[in-house]
């Protein structure tokens, strides 16, 4: 291996890992608090990318504004999804709610395909050019993605220490006890849905200047985010963060050495890990449907 390529591959892995961290954290948050497998999570990522592109190219607004708009739009849509559908289906069982999110995600994906077809939307580089460090050339766009992901994860960390964040954690541990402590589960659930979907929207907005947006990008990213959740430990936020960068870096190196077989390598590695540690890296057990 050419050692000069090592920093580039590592940088790609960190960028991918940062995006996986945002999506997997949102998925884990929704699963842990509401106990819902949100199979539409990847579609919120896709929507975030297209919203950011539309805000910049069609409205002519600055890219930071586009990120905020993508966050708010996907968060509101997530809250509406909870109020309109999920709050009613959770009463009928875990799998019924899961199927509802599958249906919603399919509708969004098909709508995107009908609207954009196979065309890919591209956002011009927000910070063009490269940065040279020690003879290594680093695209500024990738640094923006990494920095943005770090900022958002730091904001999420501090948010979880607020009153509503603590309420969300309490509800994830035991919703009955949380209710006895005066926590309004319905309020916590819709906020959780908004935050979880908003994180995906931000992830999509961050990658818009680096990766071309397409109607199929949501389905692809969801599969990888689900792998991250399984590796980290279902329901574990810290596990999702750790696993996101482990999977991202591993994927970057695997694609460098074996090309498109890289995803197969990742699947094999995840299967081996789950075989020896069924609960993931941090040992979080899978939720029991219906509980």
C-alpha atoms as a PDB file:
ATOM      1  CA  UNK A   1       0.000   0.000   0.000  1.00  0.00           C
ATOM      2  CA  UNK A   2       1.227   3.468  -0.890  1.00  0.00           C
ATOM      3  CA  UNK A   3       1.580   5.152   2.514  1.00  0.00           C
ATOM      4  CA  UNK A   4       0.851   8.525   0.947  1.00  0.00           C
ATOM      5  CA  UNK A   5      -2.718   7.309   0.334  1.00  0.00           C
ATOM      6  CA  UNK A   6      -3.282   6.338   3.968  1.00  0.00           C
ATOM      7  CA  UNK A   7      -4.358   9.843   5.137  1.00  0.00           C
ATOM      8  CA  UNK A   8      -6.743  10.152   2.181  1.00  0.00           C
ATOM      9  CA  UNK A   9      -8.380   6.804   2.893  1.00  0.00           C
ATOM     10  CA  UNK A  10      -8.584   7.597   6.593  1.00  0.00           C
ATOM     11  CA  UNK A  11     -10.151  10.986   5.847  1.00  0.00           C
ATOM     12  CA  UNK A  12     -12.772   9.332   3.658  1.00  0.00           C
ATOM     13  CA  UNK A  13     -13.484   6.889   6.472  1.00  0.00           C
ATOM     14  CA  UNK A  14     -13.908   9.693   8.994  1.00  0.00           C
ATOM     15  CA  UNK A  15     -16.273  11.540   6.666  1.00  0.00           C
ATOM     16  CA  UNK A  16     -18.358   8.428   6.045  1.00  0.00           C
ATOM     17  CA  UNK A  17     -18.280   7.605   9.748  1.00  0.00           C
ATOM     18  CA  UNK A  18     -19.517  11.084  10.657  1.00  0.00           C
ATOM     19  CA  UNK A  19     -22.546  10.697   8.391  1.00  0.00           C
ATOM     20  CA  UNK A  20     -23.236   7.190   9.691  1.00  0.00           C
ATOM     21  CA  UNK A  21     -22.995   8.536  13.240  1.00  0.00           C
ATOM     22  CA  UNK A  22     -25.738  11.106  12.639  1.00  0.00           C
ATOM     23  CA  UNK A  23     -28.121   8.667  10.967  1.00  0.00           C
ATOM     24  CA  UNK A  24     -27.458   5.793  13.378  1.00  0.00           C
ATOM     25  CA  UNK A  25     -27.820   8.098  16.393  1.00  0.00           C
ATOM     26  CA  UNK A  26     -31.221   9.237  15.141  1.00  0.00           C
ATOM     27  CA  UNK A  27     -32.284   5.647  14.510  1.00  0.00           C
ATOM     28  CA  UNK A  28     -31.031   4.513  17.917  1.00  0.00           C
ATOM     29  CA  UNK A  29     -32.746   7.410  19.680  1.00  0.00           C
ATOM     30  CA  UNK A  30     -36.108   6.599  18.107  1.00  0.00           C
ATOM     31  CA  UNK A  31     -35.715   2.885  18.760  1.00  0.00           C
ATOM     32  CA  UNK A  32     -34.623   3.369  22.360  1.00  0.00           C
ATOM     33  CA  UNK A  33     -37.293   5.896  23.367  1.00  0.00           C
ATOM     34  CA  UNK A  34     -40.330   5.079  21.210  1.00  0.00           C
ATOM     35  CA  UNK A  35     -39.353   1.442  20.531  1.00  0.00           C
ATOM     36  CA  UNK A  36     -39.945   1.870  16.808  1.00  0.00           C
ATOM     37  CA  UNK A  37     -37.780   0.557  13.985  1.00  0.00           C
ATOM     38  CA  UNK A  38     -37.965   3.564  11.687  1.00  0.00           C
ATOM     39  CA  UNK A  39     -37.282   2.075   8.263  1.00  0.00           C
ATOM     40  CA  UNK A  40     -37.897   5.501   6.724  1.00  0.00           C
ATOM     41  CA  UNK A  41     -34.773   6.902   8.371  1.00  0.00           C
ATOM     42  CA  UNK A  42     -32.745   6.823   5.165  1.00  0.00           C
ATOM     43  CA  UNK A  43     -35.420   8.731   3.277  1.00  0.00           C
ATOM     44  CA  UNK A  44     -35.123  11.671   5.675  1.00  0.00           C
ATOM     45  CA  UNK A  45     -31.418  11.685   4.777  1.00  0.00           C
ATOM     46  CA  UNK A  46     -32.332  11.866   1.100  1.00  0.00           C
ATOM     47  CA  UNK A  47     -34.840  14.650   1.743  1.00  0.00           C
ATOM     48  CA  UNK A  48     -32.229  16.626   3.665  1.00  0.00           C
ATOM     49  CA  UNK A  49     -29.877  16.495   0.680  1.00  0.00           C
ATOM     50  CA  UNK A  50     -32.505  17.589  -1.845  1.00  0.00           C
ATOM     51  CA  UNK A  51     -33.825  20.338   0.442  1.00  0.00           C
ATOM     52  CA  UNK A  52     -30.323  21.760   0.909  1.00  0.00           C
ATOM     53  CA  UNK A  53     -29.705  21.705  -2.840  1.00  0.00           C
ATOM     54  CA  UNK A  54     -33.036  23.412  -3.530  1.00  0.00           C
ATOM     55  CA  UNK A  55     -32.436  26.123  -0.917  1.00  0.00           C
ATOM     56  CA  UNK A  56     -29.007  26.982  -2.337  1.00  0.00           C
ATOM     57  CA  UNK A  57     -29.635  26.617  -6.081  1.00  0.00           C
ATOM     58  CA  UNK A  58     -33.270  27.714  -6.355  1.00  0.00           C
ATOM     59  CA  UNK A  59     -33.572  30.240  -3.531  1.00  0.00           C
ATOM     60  CA  UNK A  60     -29.978  31.456  -3.610  1.00  0.00           C
ATOM     61  CA  UNK A  61     -29.602  31.274   0.162  1.00  0.00           C
ATOM     62  CA  UNK A  62     -26.283  30.528   1.913  1.00  0.00           C
ATOM     63  CA  UNK A  63     -25.327  26.925   2.600  1.00  0.00           C
ATOM     64  CA  UNK A  64     -25.520  27.263   6.428  1.00  0.00           C
ATOM     65  CA  UNK A  65     -29.116  28.425   6.024  1.00  0.00           C
ATOM     66  CA  UNK A  66     -29.766  25.385   3.830  1.00  0.00           C
ATOM     67  CA  UNK A  67     -28.540  23.086   6.614  1.00  0.00           C
ATOM     68  CA  UNK A  68     -30.886  24.748   9.118  1.00  0.00           C
ATOM     69  CA  UNK A  69     -33.826  24.527   6.696  1.00  0.00           C
ATOM     70  CA  UNK A  70     -33.086  20.832   6.058  1.00  0.00           C
ATOM     71  CA  UNK A  71     -32.946  20.226   9.812  1.00  0.00           C
ATOM     72  CA  UNK A  72     -36.232  22.003  10.511  1.00  0.00           C
ATOM     73  CA  UNK A  73     -38.080  20.510   7.531  1.00  0.00           C
ATOM     74  CA  UNK A  74     -37.140  16.903   8.291  1.00  0.00           C
ATOM     75  CA  UNK A  75     -37.718  17.392  12.022  1.00  0.00           C
ATOM     76  CA  UNK A  76     -41.213  18.758  11.393  1.00  0.00           C
ATOM     77  CA  UNK A  77     -41.970  15.945   8.951  1.00  0.00           C
ATOM     78  CA  UNK A  78     -40.798  13.418  11.530  1.00  0.00           C
ATOM     79  CA  UNK A  79     -43.055  14.943  14.185  1.00  0.00           C
ATOM     80  CA  UNK A  80     -45.991  14.913  11.750  1.00  0.00           C
ATOM     81  CA  UNK A  81     -45.303  11.246  10.967  1.00  0.00           C
ATOM     82  CA  UNK A  82     -45.516  10.505  14.678  1.00  0.00           C
ATOM     83  CA  UNK A  83     -48.746  12.459  15.223  1.00  0.00           C
ATOM     84  CA  UNK A  84     -50.466  11.222  12.061  1.00  0.00           C
ATOM     85  CA  UNK A  85     -49.505   7.558  12.125  1.00  0.00           C
ATOM     86  CA  UNK A  86     -47.027   6.200  14.634  1.00  0.00           C
ATOM     87  CA  UNK A  87     -48.801   7.218  17.838  1.00  0.00           C
ATOM     88  CA  UNK A  88     -51.800   5.173  16.706  1.00  0.00           C
ATOM     89  CA  UNK A  89     -49.994   2.120  15.352  1.00  0.00           C
ATOM     90  CA  UNK A  90     -47.792   1.628  18.429  1.00  0.00           C
ATOM     91  CA  UNK A  91     -50.936   0.477  20.218  1.00  0.00           C
ATOM     92  CA  UNK A  92     -51.435  -2.319  17.699  1.00  0.00           C
ATOM     93  CA  UNK A  93     -47.966  -3.812  18.018  1.00  0.00           C
ATOM     94  CA  UNK A  94     -44.273  -3.456  17.241  1.00  0.00           C
ATOM     95  CA  UNK A  95     -44.389  -5.031  13.792  1.00  0.00           C
ATOM     96  CA  UNK A  96     -47.403  -3.030  12.621  1.00  0.00           C
ATOM     97  CA  UNK A  97     -45.549   0.185  13.424  1.00  0.00           C
ATOM     98  CA  UNK A  98     -42.466  -1.106  11.650  1.00  0.00           C
ATOM     99  CA  UNK A  99     -44.513  -1.858   8.534  1.00  0.00           C
ATOM    100  CA  UNK A 100     -45.971   1.649   8.621  1.00  0.00           C
ATOM    101  CA  UNK A 101     -42.485   3.181   8.510  1.00  0.00           C
ATOM    102  CA  UNK A 102     -41.584   0.831   5.646  1.00  0.00           C
ATOM    103  CA  UNK A 103     -44.668   2.023   3.760  1.00  0.00           C
ATOM    104  CA  UNK A 104     -43.913   5.685   4.452  1.00  0.00           C
ATOM    105  CA  UNK A 105     -40.303   5.280   3.350  1.00  0.00           C
ATOM    106  CA  UNK A 106     -41.416   3.513   0.165  1.00  0.00           C
ATOM    107  CA  UNK A 107     -43.862   6.315  -0.659  1.00  0.00           C
ATOM    108  CA  UNK A 108     -41.162   8.962  -0.145  1.00  0.00           C
ATOM    109  CA  UNK A 109     -38.635   7.002  -2.217  1.00  0.00           C
ATOM    110  CA  UNK A 110     -41.082   6.428  -5.077  1.00  0.00           C
ATOM    111  CA  UNK A 111     -42.146  10.069  -5.027  1.00  0.00           C
ATOM    112  CA  UNK A 112     -38.499  11.094  -5.289  1.00  0.00           C
ATOM    113  CA  UNK A 113     -37.945   8.707  -8.191  1.00  0.00           C
ATOM    114  CA  UNK A 114     -41.016  10.055 -10.021  1.00  0.00           C
ATOM    115  CA  UNK A 115     -39.921  13.638  -9.362  1.00  0.00           C
ATOM    116  CA  UNK A 116     -36.227  13.340 -10.163  1.00  0.00           C
ATOM    117  CA  UNK A 117     -36.015  10.064 -12.092  1.00  0.00           C
ATOM    118  CA  UNK A 118     -32.501   8.675 -12.325  1.00  0.00           C
ATOM    119  CA  UNK A 119     -31.005  12.162 -12.444  1.00  0.00           C
ATOM    120  CA  UNK A 120     -28.502  13.109  -9.774  1.00  0.00           C
ATOM    121  CA  UNK A 121     -28.638  16.557  -8.212  1.00  0.00           C
ATOM    122  CA  UNK A 122     -25.333  18.189  -7.391  1.00  0.00           C
ATOM    123  CA  UNK A 123     -24.589  21.128  -5.115  1.00  0.00           C
ATOM    124  CA  UNK A 124     -21.510  23.156  -6.068  1.00  0.00           C
ATOM    125  CA  UNK A 125     -18.626  22.906  -3.562  1.00  0.00           C
ATOM    126  CA  UNK A 126     -19.308  25.143  -0.588  1.00  0.00           C
ATOM    127  CA  UNK A 127     -15.621  25.544   0.243  1.00  0.00           C
ATOM    128  CA  UNK A 128     -13.748  24.857  -3.016  1.00  0.00           C
ATOM    129  CA  UNK A 129     -10.102  23.989  -3.138  1.00  0.00           C
ATOM    130  CA  UNK A 130      -7.856  21.778  -1.060  1.00  0.00           C
ATOM    131  CA  UNK A 131      -5.742  21.977   2.061  1.00  0.00           C
ATOM    132  CA  UNK A 132      -2.167  20.705   2.049  1.00  0.00           C
ATOM    133  CA  UNK A 133      -0.811  19.275   5.283  1.00  0.00           C
ATOM    134  CA  UNK A 134       2.566  17.565   5.335  1.00  0.00           C
ATOM    135  CA  UNK A 135       2.436  16.840   1.638  1.00  0.00           C
ATOM    136  CA  UNK A 136      -1.091  15.418   1.884  1.00  0.00           C
ATOM    137  CA  UNK A 137      -3.812  17.126  -0.143  1.00  0.00           C
ATOM    138  CA  UNK A 138      -7.183  17.212   1.605  1.00  0.00           C
ATOM    139  CA  UNK A 139     -10.358  18.435  -0.158  1.00  0.00           C
ATOM    140  CA  UNK A 140     -11.957  21.234   1.846  1.00  0.00           C
ATOM    141  CA  UNK A 141     -15.413  19.828   1.179  1.00  0.00           C
ATOM    142  CA  UNK A 142     -14.682  16.665   3.120  1.00  0.00           C
ATOM    143  CA  UNK A 143     -13.309  18.668   6.028  1.00  0.00           C
ATOM    144  CA  UNK A 144     -16.578  20.630   6.100  1.00  0.00           C
ATOM    145  CA  UNK A 145     -18.561  17.388   6.329  1.00  0.00           C
ATOM    146  CA  UNK A 146     -16.413  16.068   9.183  1.00  0.00           C
ATOM    147  CA  UNK A 147     -16.500  19.381  11.052  1.00  0.00           C
ATOM    148  CA  UNK A 148     -20.255  19.668  10.556  1.00  0.00           C
ATOM    149  CA  UNK A 149     -20.864  16.146  11.847  1.00  0.00           C
ATOM    150  CA  UNK A 150     -18.709  16.833  14.927  1.00  0.00           C
ATOM    151  CA  UNK A 151     -20.588  20.066  15.661  1.00  0.00           C
ATOM    152  CA  UNK A 152     -23.987  18.381  15.335  1.00  0.00           C
ATOM    153  CA  UNK A 153     -22.953  15.439  17.532  1.00  0.00           C
ATOM    154  CA  UNK A 154     -21.614  17.860  20.152  1.00  0.00           C
ATOM    155  CA  UNK A 155     -24.928  19.751  20.039  1.00  0.00           C
ATOM    156  CA  UNK A 156     -26.787  16.445  20.455  1.00  0.00           C
ATOM    157  CA  UNK A 157     -24.579  15.568  23.432  1.00  0.00           C
ATOM    158  CA  UNK A 158     -25.453  18.813  25.194  1.00  0.00           C
ATOM    159  CA  UNK A 159     -29.114  18.503  24.194  1.00  0.00           C
ATOM    160  CA  UNK A 160     -29.309  15.121  25.918  1.00  0.00           C
ATOM    161  CA  UNK A 161     -28.213  16.815  29.135  1.00  0.00           C
ATOM    162  CA  UNK A 162     -31.139  19.249  29.046  1.00  0.00           C
ATOM    163  CA  UNK A 163     -34.414  18.565  30.807  1.00  0.00           C
ATOM    164  CA  UNK A 164     -36.093  17.177  27.704  1.00  0.00           C
ATOM    165  CA  UNK A 165     -33.013  15.115  26.872  1.00  0.00           C
ATOM    166  CA  UNK A 166     -32.975  13.593  30.346  1.00  0.00           C
ATOM    167  CA  UNK A 167     -36.699  12.887  29.957  1.00  0.00           C
ATOM    168  CA  UNK A 168     -35.980  11.052  26.716  1.00  0.00           C
ATOM    169  CA  UNK A 169     -33.316   8.939  28.396  1.00  0.00           C
ATOM    170  CA  UNK A 170     -35.656   8.210  31.295  1.00  0.00           C
ATOM    171  CA  UNK A 171     -38.408   7.133  28.911  1.00  0.00           C
ATOM    172  CA  UNK A 172     -35.974   4.860  27.080  1.00  0.00           C
ATOM    173  CA  UNK A 173     -35.051   3.127  30.341  1.00  0.00           C
ATOM    174  CA  UNK A 174     -38.593   2.655  31.668  1.00  0.00           C
ATOM    175  CA  UNK A 175     -41.526   4.634  30.295  1.00  0.00           C
ATOM    176  CA  UNK A 176     -43.856   3.602  33.142  1.00  0.00           C
ATOM    177  CA  UNK A 177     -41.483   4.893  35.811  1.00  0.00           C
ATOM    178  CA  UNK A 178     -40.887   8.010  33.719  1.00  0.00           C
ATOM    179  CA  UNK A 179     -44.644   8.672  33.654  1.00  0.00           C
ATOM    180  CA  UNK A 180     -44.789   8.344  37.429  1.00  0.00           C
ATOM    181  CA  UNK A 181     -42.069  11.008  37.627  1.00  0.00           C
ATOM    182  CA  UNK A 182     -44.300  13.480  35.809  1.00  0.00           C
ATOM    183  CA  UNK A 183     -42.807  13.016  32.332  1.00  0.00           C
ATOM    184  CA  UNK A 184     -45.320  13.363  29.496  1.00  0.00           C
ATOM    185  CA  UNK A 185     -44.579  10.365  27.226  1.00  0.00           C
ATOM    186  CA  UNK A 186     -46.458  11.771  24.228  1.00  0.00           C
ATOM    187  CA  UNK A 187     -44.465  15.004  24.349  1.00  0.00           C
ATOM    188  CA  UNK A 188     -41.199  13.099  24.702  1.00  0.00           C
ATOM    189  CA  UNK A 189     -42.075  10.756  21.833  1.00  0.00           C
ATOM    190  CA  UNK A 190     -42.837  13.403  19.220  1.00  0.00           C
ATOM    191  CA  UNK A 191     -39.746  15.400  20.180  1.00  0.00           C
ATOM    192  CA  UNK A 192     -37.691  12.212  19.897  1.00  0.00           C
ATOM    193  CA  UNK A 193     -39.113  11.564  16.442  1.00  0.00           C
ATOM    194  CA  UNK A 194     -38.337  15.127  15.395  1.00  0.00           C
ATOM    195  CA  UNK A 195     -34.758  14.975  16.675  1.00  0.00           C
ATOM    196  CA  UNK A 196     -34.085  11.538  15.189  1.00  0.00           C
ATOM    197  CA  UNK A 197     -35.370  12.504  11.740  1.00  0.00           C
ATOM    198  CA  UNK A 198     -33.738  15.945  11.922  1.00  0.00           C
ATOM    199  CA  UNK A 199     -30.343  14.331  12.427  1.00  0.00           C
ATOM    200  CA  UNK A 200     -30.828  12.474   9.154  1.00  0.00           C
ATOM    201  CA  UNK A 201     -31.819  15.682   7.409  1.00  0.00           C
ATOM    202  CA  UNK A 202     -28.650  17.386   8.612  1.00  0.00           C
ATOM    203  CA  UNK A 203     -26.565  14.421   7.430  1.00  0.00           C
ATOM    204  CA  UNK A 204     -28.078  14.692   3.962  1.00  0.00           C
ATOM    205  CA  UNK A 205     -27.478  18.441   3.837  1.00  0.00           C
ATOM    206  CA  UNK A 206     -23.849  17.980   4.887  1.00  0.00           C
ATOM    207  CA  UNK A 207     -23.022  15.519   2.117  1.00  0.00           C
ATOM    208  CA  UNK A 208     -24.879  17.443  -0.612  1.00  0.00           C
ATOM    209  CA  UNK A 209     -21.756  19.389  -1.700  1.00  0.00           C
ATOM    210  CA  UNK A 210     -19.630  16.218  -1.683  1.00  0.00           C
ATOM    211  CA  UNK A 211     -21.877  13.424  -2.959  1.00  0.00           C
ATOM    212  CA  UNK A 212     -24.513  13.624  -5.690  1.00  0.00           C
ATOM    213  CA  UNK A 213     -28.072  13.288  -4.386  1.00  0.00           C
ATOM    214  CA  UNK A 214     -30.368  10.694  -5.936  1.00  0.00           C
ATOM    215  CA  UNK A 215     -33.724   9.110  -5.252  1.00  0.00           C
ATOM    216  CA  UNK A 216     -32.088   5.837  -4.175  1.00  0.00           C
ATOM    217  CA  UNK A 217     -29.545   7.260  -1.733  1.00  0.00           C
ATOM    218  CA  UNK A 218     -31.881   6.842   1.251  1.00  0.00           C
ATOM    219  CA  UNK A 219     -32.268   3.081   0.876  1.00  0.00           C
ATOM    220  CA  UNK A 220     -28.535   2.535   0.491  1.00  0.00           C
ATOM    221  CA  UNK A 221     -27.540   4.600   3.510  1.00  0.00           C
ATOM    222  CA  UNK A 222     -30.192   2.976   5.709  1.00  0.00           C
ATOM    223  CA  UNK A 223     -28.750  -0.498   5.206  1.00  0.00           C
ATOM    224  CA  UNK A 224     -25.326   0.724   6.264  1.00  0.00           C
ATOM    225  CA  UNK A 225     -26.725   2.677   9.214  1.00  0.00           C
ATOM    226  CA  UNK A 226     -28.534  -0.450  10.356  1.00  0.00           C
ATOM    227  CA  UNK A 227     -25.228  -2.318  10.258  1.00  0.00           C
ATOM    228  CA  UNK A 228     -23.733   0.434  12.422  1.00  0.00           C
ATOM    229  CA  UNK A 229     -26.549   0.067  14.955  1.00  0.00           C
ATOM    230  CA  UNK A 230     -26.065  -3.706  15.108  1.00  0.00           C
ATOM    231  CA  UNK A 231     -22.310  -3.344  15.545  1.00  0.00           C
ATOM    232  CA  UNK A 232     -22.622  -0.702  18.254  1.00  0.00           C
ATOM    233  CA  UNK A 233     -25.426  -2.374  20.148  1.00  0.00           C
ATOM    234  CA  UNK A 234     -29.093  -1.721  19.525  1.00  0.00           C
ATOM    235  CA  UNK A 235     -30.325   1.127  21.702  1.00  0.00           C
ATOM    236  CA  UNK A 236     -26.852   2.358  22.659  1.00  0.00           C
ATOM    237  CA  UNK A 237     -26.049   5.937  21.583  1.00  0.00           C
ATOM    238  CA  UNK A 238     -22.374   5.665  22.522  1.00  0.00           C
ATOM    239  CA  UNK A 239     -22.192   2.325  20.740  1.00  0.00           C
ATOM    240  CA  UNK A 240     -23.669   3.869  17.590  1.00  0.00           C
ATOM    241  CA  UNK A 241     -21.039   6.625  17.621  1.00  0.00           C
ATOM    242  CA  UNK A 242     -18.166   4.183  18.115  1.00  0.00           C
ATOM    243  CA  UNK A 243     -19.457   1.744  15.515  1.00  0.00           C
ATOM    244  CA  UNK A 244     -20.125   4.509  12.974  1.00  0.00           C
ATOM    245  CA  UNK A 245     -16.462   5.443  12.730  1.00  0.00           C
ATOM    246  CA  UNK A 246     -15.295   1.816  12.939  1.00  0.00           C
ATOM    247  CA  UNK A 247     -17.573   0.849  10.031  1.00  0.00           C
ATOM    248  CA  UNK A 248     -16.814   4.062   8.105  1.00  0.00           C
ATOM    249  CA  UNK A 249     -13.046   3.622   8.278  1.00  0.00           C
ATOM    250  CA  UNK A 250     -13.283  -0.119   7.573  1.00  0.00           C
ATOM    251  CA  UNK A 251     -15.490   0.564   4.558  1.00  0.00           C
ATOM    252  CA  UNK A 252     -13.084   3.178   3.217  1.00  0.00           C
ATOM    253  CA  UNK A 253     -10.097   0.819   3.395  1.00  0.00           C
ATOM    254  CA  UNK A 254     -12.115  -2.125   2.078  1.00  0.00           C
ATOM    255  CA  UNK A 255     -13.290  -0.195  -0.979  1.00  0.00           C
ATOM    256  CA  UNK A 256      -9.735   0.948  -1.641  1.00  0.00           C
ATOM    257  CA  UNK A 257      -8.389  -2.605  -1.725  1.00  0.00           C
ATOM    258  CA  UNK A 258     -11.270  -4.647  -3.180  1.00  0.00           C
ATOM    259  CA  UNK A 259     -13.469  -2.029  -4.863  1.00  0.00           C
ATOM    260  CA  UNK A 260     -17.185  -2.820  -4.990  1.00  0.00           C
ATOM    261  CA  UNK A 261     -16.617  -5.989  -2.980  1.00  0.00           C
ATOM    262  CA  UNK A 262     -15.930  -3.685  -0.035  1.00  0.00           C
ATOM    263  CA  UNK A 263     -19.560  -3.764   1.089  1.00  0.00           C
ATOM    264  CA  UNK A 264     -19.474  -7.568   1.081  1.00  0.00           C
ATOM    265  CA  UNK A 265     -16.364  -7.448   3.265  1.00  0.00           C
ATOM    266  CA  UNK A 266     -18.176  -5.149   5.701  1.00  0.00           C
ATOM    267  CA  UNK A 267     -21.160  -7.527   5.852  1.00  0.00           C
ATOM    268  CA  UNK A 268     -18.849 -10.456   6.608  1.00  0.00           C
ATOM    269  CA  UNK A 269     -17.027  -8.548   9.344  1.00  0.00           C
ATOM    270  CA  UNK A 270     -20.333  -7.470  10.906  1.00  0.00           C
ATOM    271  CA  UNK A 271     -21.644 -11.050  10.771  1.00  0.00           C
ATOM    272  CA  UNK A 272     -18.528 -12.309  12.535  1.00  0.00           C
ATOM    273  CA  UNK A 273     -18.778  -9.621  15.208  1.00  0.00           C
ATOM    274  CA  UNK A 274     -22.468 -10.297  15.842  1.00  0.00           C
ATOM    275  CA  UNK A 275     -21.749 -14.027  16.076  1.00  0.00           C
ATOM    276  CA  UNK A 276     -19.253 -13.498  18.889  1.00  0.00           C
ATOM    277  CA  UNK A 277     -20.988 -10.453  20.436  1.00  0.00           C
ATOM    278  CA  UNK A 278     -24.736 -10.656  19.700  1.00  0.00           C
ATOM    279  CA  UNK A 279     -25.332  -7.477  21.697  1.00  0.00           C
ATOM    280  CA  UNK A 280     -22.822  -5.422  19.696  1.00  0.00           C
ATOM    281  CA  UNK A 281     -19.658  -3.674  20.845  1.00  0.00           C
ATOM    282  CA  UNK A 282     -21.238  -2.264  23.998  1.00  0.00           C
ATOM    283  CA  UNK A 283     -23.443  -5.231  24.724  1.00  0.00           C
ATOM    284  CA  UNK A 284     -26.848  -3.584  24.359  1.00  0.00           C
ATOM    285  CA  UNK A 285     -29.456  -6.330  23.905  1.00  0.00           C
ATOM    286  CA  UNK A 286     -32.028  -6.235  21.157  1.00  0.00           C
ATOM    287  CA  UNK A 287     -35.466  -4.981  22.190  1.00  0.00           C
ATOM    288  CA  UNK A 288     -38.240  -7.532  22.557  1.00  0.00           C
ATOM    289  CA  UNK A 289     -41.084  -6.782  20.155  1.00  0.00           C
ATOM    290  CA  UNK A 290     -44.258  -5.735  21.927  1.00  0.00           C
ATOM    291  CA  UNK A 291     -42.593  -4.780  25.191  1.00  0.00           C
END
